[in-house]
Amino acid sequence: QVQLVESGGGLVQAGGSLRLSCAASGRTFNSYTMGWFRQAPGKEREFVARSRWTGVNIYYLDYADSVKGRFSISRDNAKNTVYLQMNSLKPEDTAVYYCAAGSGRTTTNAGSYDYWGQGTQVTVSS
C-alpha cells in the first residue's frame, strides 16, 4: 500500500511559478513510476508529467505537450518525494493537481496508476 500526500498548491498570477510536492509512503518508492495529473472543472483528468522507472537507476521523463518547456518533474528517492516545478503558469493551468504512483506497466493513461493522492488546487489568475 502506498499513500500519497500532495502540497504546494495555491493562487498565483499568470506568468508566476509554483512547486508541487508529493510525499509517498512505502519502501519501494524508487521503483514506482510517479505521475502528475490534473483535472479542471467539467473536464476529464489529464496527464501532465511522469517519472518512469526504467528498471535501472535511470528515470524516463515524459510531459504533456501543453506543459513542455514550462513544467519539470523531479524526484528525491531519499525523501520519497516527487516534485512538479511549474513555471510560466497560464490561466488554463488552473486545476486540481493529483500525484499518482504505478508499479506496473504505466502509461500516460490515468487508469494505469495504482495509487492516488487527494489533490491540491492550483489557481492561476489572469
Foldseek 3Di string as FASTA:
>chain_A
DKAKAKDWADEEAAQAKIKMKIAMDDDPLQQKKKFKWWDDPPGDIFGAKIFHDPPDNHTDIDGDPVQPPFWDWDDDVVRNMIMIIGGRDDQVVWTWMKMFIANDDDDRDPVRTDDIYPTDTHGYHD
